[in-house]
Amino acid sequence: MAKIKVTKVRSAINRPKNQKLTLEALGLRKIGQVVEHDATPNILGMVNKVSHLVSVEETK
């Protein structure tokens, strides 16, 4: 299964609560933090919800 690296690049201050909770569920707390996840439909949907706050790169 493909993996993706998700990096938090923008703050969650003044964002709706669902976006804050999505970042938390992805495991992102601080700006610059990087987490690696499998590219499942659930994770990709979560990343899509907060795509303006994170950067994503595909790894192998």
PDB file of N, CA and C in Angstrom:
ATOM      1  N   MET A   1       0.839  -1.177   0.000  1.00  0.00           N
ATOM      2  CA  MET A   1       0.000   0.000   0.000  1.00  0.00           C
ATOM      3  C   MET A   1       0.888   1.247   0.000  1.00  0.00           C
ATOM      4  N   ALA A   2       0.462   2.270  -0.710  1.00  0.00           N
ATOM      5  CA  ALA A   2       1.220   3.511  -0.802  1.00  0.00           C
ATOM      6  C   ALA A   2       1.186   4.246   0.541  1.00  0.00           C
ATOM      7  N   LYS A   3       2.228   5.000   0.790  1.00  0.00           N
ATOM      8  CA  LYS A   3       2.318   5.812   2.009  1.00  0.00           C
ATOM      9  C   LYS A   3       2.351   7.283   1.594  1.00  0.00           C
ATOM     10  N   ILE A   4       1.874   8.131   2.492  1.00  0.00           N
ATOM     11  CA  ILE A   4       1.967   9.571   2.267  1.00  0.00           C
ATOM     12  C   ILE A   4       2.559  10.218   3.514  1.00  0.00           C
ATOM     13  N   LYS A   5       3.325  11.281   3.297  1.00  0.00           N
ATOM     14  CA  LYS A   5       3.846  12.104   4.384  1.00  0.00           C
ATOM     15  C   LYS A   5       3.012  13.373   4.423  1.00  0.00           C
ATOM     16  N   VAL A   6       2.469  13.667   5.585  1.00  0.00           N
ATOM     17  CA  VAL A   6       1.633  14.852   5.767  1.00  0.00           C
ATOM     18  C   VAL A   6       2.356  15.798   6.713  1.00  0.00           C
ATOM     19  N   THR A   7       2.558  17.038   6.277  1.00  0.00           N
ATOM     20  CA  THR A   7       3.257  18.047   7.066  1.00  0.00           C
ATOM     21  C   THR A   7       2.306  19.205   7.341  1.00  0.00           C
ATOM     22  N   LYS A   8       2.204  19.602   8.603  1.00  0.00           N
ATOM     23  CA  LYS A   8       1.376  20.760   8.955  1.00  0.00           C
ATOM     24  C   LYS A   8       2.165  22.017   8.625  1.00  0.00           C
ATOM     25  N   VAL A   9       1.602  22.885   7.777  1.00  0.00           N
ATOM     26  CA  VAL A   9       2.313  24.082   7.357  1.00  0.00           C
ATOM     27  C   VAL A   9       1.621  25.377   7.779  1.00  0.00           C
ATOM     28  N   ARG A  10       0.366  25.295   8.210  1.00  0.00           N
ATOM     29  CA  ARG A  10      -0.348  26.489   8.651  1.00  0.00           C
ATOM     30  C   ARG A  10      -1.040  26.229   9.977  1.00  0.00           C
ATOM     31  N   SER A  11      -1.307  27.286  10.693  1.00  0.00           N
ATOM     32  CA  SER A  11      -1.918  27.200  12.017  1.00  0.00           C
ATOM     33  C   SER A  11      -3.409  26.865  11.929  1.00  0.00           C
ATOM     34  N   ALA A  12      -3.916  26.243  12.978  1.00  0.00           N
ATOM     35  CA  ALA A  12      -5.342  25.926  13.072  1.00  0.00           C
ATOM     36  C   ALA A  12      -6.112  26.994  13.849  1.00  0.00           C
ATOM     37  N   ILE A  13      -5.449  28.074  14.227  1.00  0.00           N
ATOM     38  CA  ILE A  13      -6.122  29.162  14.936  1.00  0.00           C
ATOM     39  C   ILE A  13      -7.148  29.798  13.991  1.00  0.00           C
ATOM     40  N   ASN A  14      -8.315  30.119  14.528  1.00  0.00           N
ATOM     41  CA  ASN A  14      -9.430  30.702  13.772  1.00  0.00           C
ATOM     42  C   ASN A  14      -9.947  29.782  12.675  1.00  0.00           C
ATOM     43  N   ARG A  15      -9.848  28.483  12.873  1.00  0.00           N
ATOM     44  CA  ARG A  15     -10.406  27.502  11.941  1.00  0.00           C
ATOM     45  C   ARG A  15     -11.594  26.830  12.612  1.00  0.00           C
ATOM     46  N   PRO A  16     -12.514  26.302  11.817  1.00  0.00           N
ATOM     47  CA  PRO A  16     -13.663  25.591  12.414  1.00  0.00           C
ATOM     48  C   PRO A  16     -13.207  24.394  13.237  1.00  0.00           C
ATOM     49  N   LYS A  17     -14.034  24.029  14.191  1.00  0.00           N
ATOM     50  CA  LYS A  17     -13.682  22.954  15.109  1.00  0.00           C
ATOM     51  C   LYS A  17     -13.446  21.628  14.382  1.00  0.00           C
ATOM     52  N   ASN A  18     -14.217  21.356  13.321  1.00  0.00           N
ATOM     53  CA  ASN A  18     -14.034  20.087  12.622  1.00  0.00           C
ATOM     54  C   ASN A  18     -12.657  20.006  11.961  1.00  0.00           C
ATOM     55  N   GLN A  19     -12.118  21.132  11.506  1.00  0.00           N
ATOM     56  CA  GLN A  19     -10.777  21.124  10.922  1.00  0.00           C
ATOM     57  C   GLN A  19      -9.724  20.902  12.002  1.00  0.00           C
ATOM     58  N   LYS A  20      -9.899  21.504  13.159  1.00  0.00           N
ATOM     59  CA  LYS A  20      -8.972  21.293  14.267  1.00  0.00           C
ATOM     60  C   LYS A  20      -8.972  19.826  14.686  1.00  0.00           C
ATOM     61  N   LEU A  21     -10.160  19.225  14.765  1.00  0.00           N
ATOM     62  CA  LEU A  21     -10.266  17.823  15.156  1.00  0.00           C
ATOM     63  C   LEU A  21      -9.673  16.898  14.093  1.00  0.00           C
ATOM     64  N   THR A  22      -9.805  17.273  12.834  1.00  0.00           N
ATOM     65  CA  THR A  22      -9.224  16.468  11.756  1.00  0.00           C
ATOM     66  C   THR A  22      -7.705  16.475  11.842  1.00  0.00           C
ATOM     67  N   LEU A  23      -7.115  17.642  12.092  1.00  0.00           N
ATOM     68  CA  LEU A  23      -5.660  17.717  12.259  1.00  0.00           C
ATOM     69  C   LEU A  23      -5.211  16.863  13.441  1.00  0.00           C
ATOM     70  N   GLU A  24      -5.960  16.924  14.520  1.00  0.00           N
ATOM     71  CA  GLU A  24      -5.636  16.140  15.709  1.00  0.00           C
ATOM     72  C   GLU A  24      -5.717  14.645  15.413  1.00  0.00           C
ATOM     73  N   ALA A  25      -6.739  14.244  14.664  1.00  0.00           N
ATOM     74  CA  ALA A  25      -6.911  12.837  14.317  1.00  0.00           C
ATOM     75  C   ALA A  25      -5.791  12.344  13.395  1.00  0.00           C
ATOM     76  N   LEU A  26      -5.254  13.239  12.585  1.00  0.00           N
ATOM     77  CA  LEU A  26      -4.123  12.880  11.728  1.00  0.00           C
ATOM     78  C   LEU A  26      -2.823  12.797  12.526  1.00  0.00           C
ATOM     79  N   GLY A  27      -2.840  13.311  13.755  1.00  0.00           N
ATOM     80  CA  GLY A  27      -1.644  13.269  14.592  1.00  0.00           C
ATOM     81  C   GLY A  27      -0.780  14.505  14.462  1.00  0.00           C
ATOM     82  N   LEU A  28      -1.358  15.583  13.953  1.00  0.00           N
ATOM     83  CA  LEU A  28      -0.601  16.821  13.744  1.00  0.00           C
ATOM     84  C   LEU A  28      -0.942  17.830  14.830  1.00  0.00           C
ATOM     85  N   ARG A  29       0.075  18.254  15.563  1.00  0.00           N
ATOM     86  CA  ARG A  29      -0.124  19.231  16.621  1.00  0.00           C
ATOM     87  C   ARG A  29       0.621  20.534  16.326  1.00  0.00           C
ATOM     88  N   LYS A  30       1.893  20.454  15.975  1.00  0.00           N
ATOM     89  CA  LYS A  30       2.710  21.652  15.797  1.00  0.00           C
ATOM     90  C   LYS A  30       3.003  21.895  14.314  1.00  0.00           C
ATOM     91  N   ILE A  31       3.197  23.149  13.972  1.00  0.00           N
ATOM     92  CA  ILE A  31       3.572  23.501  12.608  1.00  0.00           C
ATOM     93  C   ILE A  31       4.949  22.905  12.324  1.00  0.00           C
ATOM     94  N   GLY A  32       5.067  22.290  11.167  1.00  0.00           N
ATOM     95  CA  GLY A  32       6.323  21.652  10.787  1.00  0.00           C
ATOM     96  C   GLY A  32       6.379  20.181  11.140  1.00  0.00           C
ATOM     97  N   GLN A  33       5.426  19.700  11.915  1.00  0.00           N
ATOM     98  CA  GLN A  33       5.400  18.288  12.293  1.00  0.00           C
ATOM     99  C   GLN A  33       5.028  17.438  11.086  1.00  0.00           C
ATOM    100  N   VAL A  34       5.684  16.292  10.947  1.00  0.00           N
ATOM    101  CA  VAL A  34       5.454  15.391   9.834  1.00  0.00           C
ATOM    102  C   VAL A  34       4.979  14.049  10.370  1.00  0.00           C
ATOM    103  N   VAL A  35       3.925  13.514   9.768  1.00  0.00           N
ATOM    104  CA  VAL A  35       3.445  12.172  10.101  1.00  0.00           C
ATOM    105  C   VAL A  35       3.323  11.371   8.813  1.00  0.00           C
ATOM    106  N   GLU A  36       3.444  10.069   8.931  1.00  0.00           N
ATOM    107  CA  GLU A  36       3.325   9.191   7.772  1.00  0.00           C
ATOM    108  C   GLU A  36       2.124   8.278   7.974  1.00  0.00           C
ATOM    109  N   HIS A  37       1.305   8.179   6.935  1.00  0.00           N
ATOM    110  CA  HIS A  37       0.097   7.351   6.976  1.00  0.00           C
ATOM    111  C   HIS A  37       0.016   6.515   5.709  1.00  0.00           C
ATOM    112  N   ASP A  38      -0.754   5.413   5.784  1.00  0.00           N
ATOM    113  CA  ASP A  38      -1.113   4.676   4.574  1.00  0.00           C
ATOM    114  C   ASP A  38      -2.111   5.521   3.791  1.00  0.00           C
ATOM    115  N   ALA A  39      -2.065   5.400   2.479  1.00  0.00           N
ATOM    116  CA  ALA A  39      -2.955   6.191   1.623  1.00  0.00           C
ATOM    117  C   ALA A  39      -4.301   5.492   1.467  1.00  0.00           C
ATOM    118  N   THR A  40      -5.042   5.376   2.570  1.00  0.00           N
ATOM    119  CA  THR A  40      -6.366   4.768   2.531  1.00  0.00           C
ATOM    120  C   THR A  40      -7.403   5.841   2.202  1.00  0.00           C
ATOM    121  N   PRO A  41      -8.581   5.441   1.741  1.00  0.00           N
ATOM    122  CA  PRO A  41      -9.618   6.437   1.446  1.00  0.00           C
ATOM    123  C   PRO A  41      -9.969   7.304   2.661  1.00  0.00           C
ATOM    124  N   ASN A  42      -9.962   6.725   3.868  1.00  0.00           N
ATOM    125  CA  ASN A  42     -10.270   7.501   5.071  1.00  0.00           C
ATOM    126  C   ASN A  42      -9.245   8.607   5.286  1.00  0.00           C
ATOM    127  N   ILE A  43      -7.977   8.256   5.213  1.00  0.00           N
ATOM    128  CA  ILE A  43      -6.906   9.230   5.440  1.00  0.00           C
ATOM    129  C   ILE A  43      -6.903  10.288   4.338  1.00  0.00           C
ATOM    130  N   LEU A  44      -7.084   9.872   3.092  1.00  0.00           N
ATOM    131  CA  LEU A  44      -7.089  10.827   1.981  1.00  0.00           C
ATOM    132  C   LEU A  44      -8.248  11.807   2.104  1.00  0.00           C
ATOM    133  N   GLY A  45      -9.389  11.352   2.596  1.00  0.00           N
ATOM    134  CA  GLY A  45     -10.522  12.242   2.823  1.00  0.00           C
ATOM    135  C   GLY A  45     -10.232  13.261   3.912  1.00  0.00           C
ATOM    136  N   MET A  46      -9.556  12.814   4.973  1.00  0.00           N
ATOM    137  CA  MET A  46      -9.187  13.727   6.057  1.00  0.00           C
ATOM    138  C   MET A  46      -8.188  14.769   5.562  1.00  0.00           C
ATOM    139  N   VAL A  47      -7.219  14.324   4.773  1.00  0.00           N
ATOM    140  CA  VAL A  47      -6.217  15.246   4.227  1.00  0.00           C
ATOM    141  C   VAL A  47      -6.890  16.249   3.296  1.00  0.00           C
ATOM    142  N   ASN A  48      -7.861  15.795   2.524  1.00  0.00           N
ATOM    143  CA  ASN A  48      -8.569  16.689   1.609  1.00  0.00           C
ATOM    144  C   ASN A  48      -9.323  17.777   2.363  1.00  0.00           C
ATOM    145  N   LYS A  49      -9.872  17.457   3.536  1.00  0.00           N
ATOM    146  CA  LYS A  49     -10.601  18.430   4.347  1.00  0.00           C
ATOM    147  C   LYS A  49      -9.712  19.565   4.837  1.00  0.00           C
ATOM    148  N   VAL A  50      -8.442  19.257   5.107  1.00  0.00           N
ATOM    149  CA  VAL A  50      -7.525  20.271   5.648  1.00  0.00           C
ATOM    150  C   VAL A  50      -6.361  20.525   4.683  1.00  0.00           C
ATOM    151  N   SER A  51      -6.615  20.366   3.394  1.00  0.00           N
ATOM    152  CA  SER A  51      -5.543  20.492   2.399  1.00  0.00           C
ATOM    153  C   SER A  51      -4.899  21.886   2.385  1.00  0.00           C
ATOM    154  N   HIS A  52      -5.642  22.907   2.824  1.00  0.00           N
ATOM    155  CA  HIS A  52      -5.102  24.263   2.872  1.00  0.00           C
ATOM    156  C   HIS A  52      -4.193  24.492   4.080  1.00  0.00           C
ATOM    157  N   LEU A  53      -4.155  23.527   5.006  1.00  0.00           N
ATOM    158  CA  LEU A  53      -3.319  23.656   6.201  1.00  0.00           C
ATOM    159  C   LEU A  53      -2.116  22.711   6.186  1.00  0.00           C
ATOM    160  N   VAL A  54      -2.097  21.772   5.266  1.00  0.00           N
ATOM    161  CA  VAL A  54      -1.046  20.757   5.237  1.00  0.00           C
ATOM    162  C   VAL A  54      -0.440  20.649   3.841  1.00  0.00           C
ATOM    163  N   SER A  55       0.750  20.063   3.776  1.00  0.00           N
ATOM    164  CA  SER A  55       1.326  19.678   2.488  1.00  0.00           C
ATOM    165  C   SER A  55       1.490  18.164   2.509  1.00  0.00           C
ATOM    166  N   VAL A  56       1.323  17.555   1.347  1.00  0.00           N
ATOM    167  CA  VAL A  56       1.329  16.099   1.240  1.00  0.00           C
ATOM    168  C   VAL A  56       2.319  15.693   0.172  1.00  0.00           C
ATOM    169  N   GLU A  57       3.112  14.657   0.489  1.00  0.00           N
ATOM    170  CA  GLU A  57       3.985  14.074  -0.533  1.00  0.00           C
ATOM    171  C   GLU A  57       3.898  12.568  -0.439  1.00  0.00           C
ATOM    172  N   GLU A  58       3.967  11.933  -1.580  1.00  0.00           N
ATOM    173  CA  GLU A  58       3.850  10.483  -1.640  1.00  0.00           C
ATOM    174  C   GLU A  58       5.218   9.861  -1.443  1.00  0.00           C
ATOM    175  N   THR A  59       5.283   8.809  -0.641  1.00  0.00           N
ATOM    176  CA  THR A  59       6.529   8.071  -0.434  1.00  0.00           C
ATOM    177  C   THR A  59       6.303   6.640  -0.859  1.00  0.00           C
ATOM    178  N   LYS A  60       7.384   5.903  -0.944  1.00  0.00           N
ATOM    179  CA  LYS A  60       7.265   4.513  -1.382  1.00  0.00           C
ATOM    180  C   LYS A  60       7.642   3.549  -0.314  1.00  0.00           C
TER     181      LYS A  60
END
